[in-house]
Amino acid sequence: MALEYELTCAVCLQLFEEPITLPCGHSFCLNCLENYWDSREEPTSCFCPNCREVFLQKPKLKKSNGIKINVVQVKCKTKYCRYSPVLESSEGSQPSKKQRRSPQGEPA
């Protein structure tokens, strides 16, 4: 249950969907954070909904692929899912050798 808590967005209180990480280190769903910032009265300043660190310019949002893989594992309720579209790149290519694993969890 502790891992599931760590993989929960503080805005929507659900497991992350398209997780991103801010420069302060806190992670959120991409859509949740963008909607949160869009709803603010002062669009020129953005801040972390968790620690309130202020970003004078909208920071570049970085996808958190490691978090995304952990979310898939929690959703699968297994140590490793044999197939996961999360492991494929956005271009639809195959997972890298580092990402491919046999059903026993060993590199392919």
C-alpha atoms as a PDB file:
ATOM      1  CA  MET A   1       0.000   0.000   0.000  1.00  0.00           C
ATOM      2  CA  ALA A   2       2.936   2.396   0.623  1.00  0.00           C
ATOM      3  CA  LEU A   3       4.044   2.135  -3.021  1.00  0.00           C
ATOM      4  CA  GLU A   4       0.512   2.863  -4.214  1.00  0.00           C
ATOM      5  CA  TYR A   5       0.463   5.971  -1.982  1.00  0.00           C
ATOM      6  CA  GLU A   6       3.759   7.146  -3.536  1.00  0.00           C
ATOM      7  CA  LEU A   7       2.272   6.686  -7.013  1.00  0.00           C
ATOM      8  CA  THR A   8      -0.842   8.763  -6.279  1.00  0.00           C
ATOM      9  CA  CYS A   9      -1.323  12.253  -7.719  1.00  0.00           C
ATOM     10  CA  ALA A  10      -1.898  14.849  -4.983  1.00  0.00           C
ATOM     11  CA  VAL A  11      -4.354  16.718  -7.236  1.00  0.00           C
ATOM     12  CA  CYS A  12      -6.725  13.949  -8.407  1.00  0.00           C
ATOM     13  CA  LEU A  13      -5.881  11.366  -5.695  1.00  0.00           C
ATOM     14  CA  GLN A  14      -5.656   8.592  -8.321  1.00  0.00           C
ATOM     15  CA  LEU A  15      -2.702   6.592  -9.606  1.00  0.00           C
ATOM     16  CA  PHE A  16      -0.643   8.750 -11.949  1.00  0.00           C
ATOM     17  CA  GLU A  17      -1.709   9.097 -15.585  1.00  0.00           C
ATOM     18  CA  GLU A  18       1.135  10.504 -17.730  1.00  0.00           C
ATOM     19  CA  PRO A  19       3.263  11.370 -14.671  1.00  0.00           C
ATOM     20  CA  ILE A  20       5.585  14.372 -14.816  1.00  0.00           C
ATOM     21  CA  THR A  21       8.066  15.686 -12.273  1.00  0.00           C
ATOM     22  CA  LEU A  22       8.608  19.337 -11.409  1.00  0.00           C
ATOM     23  CA  PRO A  23      12.063  20.799 -10.648  1.00  0.00           C
ATOM     24  CA  CYS A  24      11.190  20.648  -6.919  1.00  0.00           C
ATOM     25  CA  GLY A  25      10.891  16.850  -7.230  1.00  0.00           C
ATOM     26  CA  HIS A  26       7.118  16.474  -6.803  1.00  0.00           C
ATOM     27  CA  SER A  27       5.184  14.475  -9.387  1.00  0.00           C
ATOM     28  CA  PHE A  28       1.671  14.891 -10.766  1.00  0.00           C
ATOM     29  CA  CYS A  29      -0.469  13.748 -13.674  1.00  0.00           C
ATOM     30  CA  LEU A  30       0.295  15.955 -16.672  1.00  0.00           C
ATOM     31  CA  ASN A  31      -3.364  16.899 -17.187  1.00  0.00           C
ATOM     32  CA  CYS A  32      -3.940  17.537 -13.481  1.00  0.00           C
ATOM     33  CA  LEU A  33      -1.026  19.958 -13.262  1.00  0.00           C
ATOM     34  CA  GLU A  34      -1.893  21.775 -16.478  1.00  0.00           C
ATOM     35  CA  ASN A  35      -5.549  22.126 -15.400  1.00  0.00           C
ATOM     36  CA  TYR A  36      -4.449  23.314 -11.966  1.00  0.00           C
ATOM     37  CA  TRP A  37      -2.181  25.974 -13.450  1.00  0.00           C
ATOM     38  CA  ASP A  38      -4.831  27.016 -16.013  1.00  0.00           C
ATOM     39  CA  SER A  39      -7.370  27.533 -13.206  1.00  0.00           C
ATOM     40  CA  ARG A  40      -5.107  29.949 -11.293  1.00  0.00           C
ATOM     41  CA  GLU A  41      -5.934  33.660 -11.382  1.00  0.00           C
ATOM     42  CA  GLU A  42      -2.314  34.645 -12.030  1.00  0.00           C
ATOM     43  CA  PRO A  43      -1.276  32.770 -15.190  1.00  0.00           C
ATOM     44  CA  THR A  44       2.191  34.340 -15.195  1.00  0.00           C
ATOM     45  CA  SER A  45       3.398  32.415 -12.158  1.00  0.00           C
ATOM     46  CA  CYS A  46       3.236  28.683 -11.618  1.00  0.00           C
ATOM     47  CA  PHE A  47       3.849  26.861  -8.387  1.00  0.00           C
ATOM     48  CA  CYS A  48       3.955  23.330  -7.092  1.00  0.00           C
ATOM     49  CA  PRO A  49       0.558  22.328  -5.660  1.00  0.00           C
ATOM     50  CA  ASN A  50       2.383  20.295  -3.023  1.00  0.00           C
ATOM     51  CA  CYS A  51       5.238  22.429  -1.617  1.00  0.00           C
ATOM     52  CA  ARG A  52       4.184  25.778  -3.175  1.00  0.00           C
ATOM     53  CA  GLU A  53       7.621  26.395  -4.714  1.00  0.00           C
ATOM     54  CA  VAL A  54       7.139  29.268  -7.162  1.00  0.00           C
ATOM     55  CA  PHE A  55       8.382  29.042 -10.743  1.00  0.00           C
ATOM     56  CA  LEU A  56       8.604  32.480 -12.337  1.00  0.00           C
ATOM     57  CA  GLN A  57       8.327  30.851 -15.761  1.00  0.00           C
ATOM     58  CA  LYS A  58       6.396  27.720 -16.527  1.00  0.00           C
ATOM     59  CA  PRO A  59       8.992  24.970 -16.073  1.00  0.00           C
ATOM     60  CA  LYS A  60       9.656  22.392 -18.737  1.00  0.00           C
ATOM     61  CA  LEU A  61       7.670  19.360 -17.659  1.00  0.00           C
ATOM     62  CA  LYS A  62       9.619  16.116 -17.810  1.00  0.00           C
ATOM     63  CA  LYS A  63       7.863  12.793 -18.259  1.00  0.00           C
ATOM     64  CA  SER A  64       8.570  10.359 -15.447  1.00  0.00           C
ATOM     65  CA  ASN A  65       8.916   7.032 -17.228  1.00  0.00           C
ATOM     66  CA  GLY A  66      10.199   5.265 -14.112  1.00  0.00           C
ATOM     67  CA  ILE A  67       7.093   6.294 -12.198  1.00  0.00           C
ATOM     68  CA  LYS A  68       4.906   5.290 -15.133  1.00  0.00           C
ATOM     69  CA  ILE A  69       6.396   1.791 -15.173  1.00  0.00           C
ATOM     70  CA  ASN A  70       5.800   1.448 -11.419  1.00  0.00           C
ATOM     71  CA  VAL A  71       2.165   2.527 -11.872  1.00  0.00           C
ATOM     72  CA  VAL A  72       1.675  -0.160 -14.512  1.00  0.00           C
ATOM     73  CA  GLN A  73       3.193  -2.747 -12.182  1.00  0.00           C
ATOM     74  CA  VAL A  74       0.831  -1.741  -9.370  1.00  0.00           C
ATOM     75  CA  LYS A  75      -2.130  -1.866 -11.752  1.00  0.00           C
ATOM     76  CA  CYS A  76      -1.084  -5.314 -12.972  1.00  0.00           C
ATOM     77  CA  LYS A  77      -0.693  -6.528  -9.365  1.00  0.00           C
ATOM     78  CA  THR A  78       2.252  -8.634 -10.508  1.00  0.00           C
ATOM     79  CA  LYS A  79       5.973  -8.208 -10.341  1.00  0.00           C
ATOM     80  CA  TYR A  80       6.096  -7.649 -14.085  1.00  0.00           C
ATOM     81  CA  CYS A  81       3.487  -7.510 -16.824  1.00  0.00           C
ATOM     82  CA  ARG A  82       4.487  -9.489 -19.921  1.00  0.00           C
ATOM     83  CA  TYR A  83       3.281  -6.697 -22.191  1.00  0.00           C
ATOM     84  CA  SER A  84       2.776  -3.073 -21.433  1.00  0.00           C
ATOM     85  CA  PRO A  85       2.232  -0.271 -23.951  1.00  0.00           C
ATOM     86  CA  VAL A  86       3.921   2.010 -21.392  1.00  0.00           C
ATOM     87  CA  LEU A  87       7.224   0.388 -22.227  1.00  0.00           C
ATOM     88  CA  GLU A  88       6.904   1.322 -25.877  1.00  0.00           C
ATOM     89  CA  SER A  89       7.983   4.744 -27.003  1.00  0.00           C
ATOM     90  CA  SER A  90       5.449   7.253 -28.259  1.00  0.00           C
ATOM     91  CA  GLU A  91       6.529   6.502 -31.841  1.00  0.00           C
ATOM     92  CA  GLY A  92       5.266   2.945 -31.405  1.00  0.00           C
ATOM     93  CA  SER A  93       8.680   1.319 -31.574  1.00  0.00           C
ATOM     94  CA  GLN A  94       9.574  -1.806 -29.670  1.00  0.00           C
ATOM     95  CA  PRO A  95      10.958  -1.583 -26.124  1.00  0.00           C
ATOM     96  CA  SER A  96      14.732  -1.352 -25.836  1.00  0.00           C
ATOM     97  CA  LYS A  97      16.769  -4.355 -24.683  1.00  0.00           C
ATOM     98  CA  LYS A  98      16.967  -2.739 -21.256  1.00  0.00           C
ATOM     99  CA  GLN A  99      13.155  -2.627 -21.074  1.00  0.00           C
ATOM    100  CA  ARG A 100      12.425  -6.086 -22.549  1.00  0.00           C
ATOM    101  CA  ARG A 101      12.296  -8.850 -20.003  1.00  0.00           C
ATOM    102  CA  SER A 102      11.310 -12.464 -20.020  1.00  0.00           C
ATOM    103  CA  PRO A 103       8.262 -13.576 -18.006  1.00  0.00           C
ATOM    104  CA  GLN A 104      10.697 -14.536 -15.205  1.00  0.00           C
ATOM    105  CA  GLY A 105      11.903 -10.911 -14.997  1.00  0.00           C
ATOM    106  CA  GLU A 106      15.302 -11.538 -16.580  1.00  0.00           C
ATOM    107  CA  PRO A 107      16.533  -9.414 -19.501  1.00  0.00           C
ATOM    108  CA  ALA A 108      15.572 -10.887 -22.885  1.00  0.00           C
END
